[in-house]
Every structure is written in structure tokens, then in C-alpha cells.
Amino acid sequence: MTKKLPDGSYELTDPDQLREAIQRLGQAEDALESLSEQYHAMEAKLEAERSRGHGTRSVTFNRMLAEKLMLSGMLERFRFHGVEL
């Protein structure tokens, strides 16, 4: 739908696809926002577990930590490509 130009900018391969390109951009922004919200929610859950004294030995804590790390990695991929909220 787009092609990258030598200067690093992008252009539509078919200008008639502008509406579809806008739709896809909006969906990508929604996905990034959702990932960010999930990441911050997981941080809060982990902090709540820590404050209750359920530390790193808990299976639940370790599962949540793994999920936070996965979300962090996904967000980092967006950042690597210059996409941030």
C-alpha cells in the first residue's frame, strides 16, 4: 500500500487507496494504544502483588511478569521503527 522513499518518508503506491490507508493507520494506532494500556495495567497488577507480599516466587507473579516482558518487547518493536504514542 505504501513504499518507502530514499529520504525515509513514505508515499502511497496508489493514491486512490488514501481512505484505506487512513483506516489501516487508525487500526495500527488503536493496536499501539491497546498494547500500551495493557502494559501499564500489568505494571499496576505487579506492583499490587508486590505490595501484598506476593513476590517473585508466586506462579501468578511470574506469569504476569512474563506477560509484561512480552508487551514491553512488542512496544519496543514499534519504538524501533519510530512509532510511539
Protein backbone atom coordinates (compact mmCIF):
# COMPACT_ATOMS: atom_id res chain seq x y z
CA MET A 1 0.00 0.00 0.00
CA THR A 2 2.97 2.31 0.66
CA LYS A 3 6.56 2.43 -0.44
CA LYS A 4 9.50 3.86 1.43
CA LEU A 5 11.38 6.62 -0.36
CA PRO A 6 15.17 7.10 -0.18
CA ASP A 7 14.74 10.02 2.25
CA GLY A 8 12.88 7.73 4.69
CA SER A 9 9.41 9.13 4.02
CA TYR A 10 6.54 7.10 2.58
CA GLU A 11 4.09 7.52 -0.26
CA LEU A 12 1.01 5.64 -1.36
CA THR A 13 1.63 3.28 -4.24
CA ASP A 14 -1.90 4.04 -5.44
CA PRO A 15 -3.29 7.48 -4.46
CA ASP A 16 -6.82 6.07 -4.80
CA GLN A 17 -6.16 3.99 -1.68
CA LEU A 18 -5.98 7.00 0.64
CA ARG A 19 -9.17 6.09 2.51
CA GLU A 20 -7.95 2.53 3.08
CA ALA A 21 -4.52 3.80 4.15
CA ILE A 22 -6.13 6.10 6.72
CA GLN A 23 -8.23 3.19 8.01
CA ARG A 24 -5.15 0.98 8.40
CA LEU A 25 -3.22 3.76 10.14
CA GLY A 26 -6.08 4.21 12.59
CA GLN A 27 -6.14 0.48 13.29
CA ALA A 28 -2.38 0.48 13.88
CA GLU A 29 -2.73 3.42 16.27
CA ASP A 30 -5.52 1.61 18.12
CA ALA A 31 -3.34 -1.51 18.42
CA LEU A 32 -0.41 0.50 19.77
CA GLU A 33 -2.64 2.27 22.28
CA SER A 34 -4.12 -1.04 23.42
CA LEU A 35 -0.65 -2.55 23.91
CA SER A 36 0.41 0.47 25.94
CA GLU A 37 -2.70 0.26 28.12
CA GLN A 38 -2.16 -3.47 28.70
CA TYR A 39 1.48 -2.85 29.62
CA HIS A 40 0.59 -0.17 32.18
CA ALA A 41 -2.22 -2.29 33.62
CA MET A 42 0.20 -5.19 34.03
CA GLU A 43 2.69 -2.90 35.79
CA ALA A 44 -0.05 -1.91 38.24
CA LYS A 45 -1.02 -5.55 38.85
CA LEU A 46 2.61 -6.50 39.51
CA GLU A 47 3.01 -3.62 41.94
CA ALA A 48 -0.17 -4.70 43.74
CA GLU A 49 1.20 -8.24 44.03
CA ARG A 50 4.48 -6.89 45.43
CA SER A 51 2.67 -4.68 47.96
CA ARG A 52 0.65 -7.69 49.17
CA GLY A 53 3.90 -9.55 49.75
CA HIS A 54 3.45 -11.95 46.85
CA GLY A 55 6.88 -11.79 45.35
CA THR A 56 8.75 -13.49 42.61
CA ARG A 57 8.13 -17.00 43.96
CA SER A 58 4.45 -16.82 43.08
CA VAL A 59 3.39 -18.58 39.87
CA THR A 60 0.87 -15.80 39.24
CA PHE A 61 3.52 -13.13 39.68
CA ASN A 62 5.90 -14.87 37.29
CA ARG A 63 3.15 -15.31 34.70
CA MET A 64 2.28 -11.61 34.91
CA LEU A 65 5.94 -10.65 34.72
CA ALA A 66 6.33 -12.76 31.58
CA GLU A 67 3.30 -11.05 30.04
CA LYS A 68 4.70 -7.62 30.93
CA LEU A 69 8.01 -8.52 29.27
CA MET A 70 6.17 -9.72 26.14
CA LEU A 71 4.20 -6.47 25.97
CA SER A 72 7.39 -4.50 26.53
CA GLY A 73 9.03 -6.28 23.62
CA MET A 74 6.09 -5.56 21.34
CA LEU A 75 6.13 -1.86 22.28
CA GLU A 76 9.88 -1.76 21.73
CA ARG A 77 9.40 -3.02 18.16
CA PHE A 78 7.12 -0.07 17.49
CA ARG A 79 9.67 2.32 19.05
CA PHE A 80 12.46 0.79 16.97
CA HIS A 81 10.55 1.80 13.87
CA GLY A 82 9.89 5.30 15.21
CA VAL A 83 6.25 4.75 16.17
CA GLU A 84 5.25 5.99 19.63
CA LEU A 85 2.14 7.33 21.28
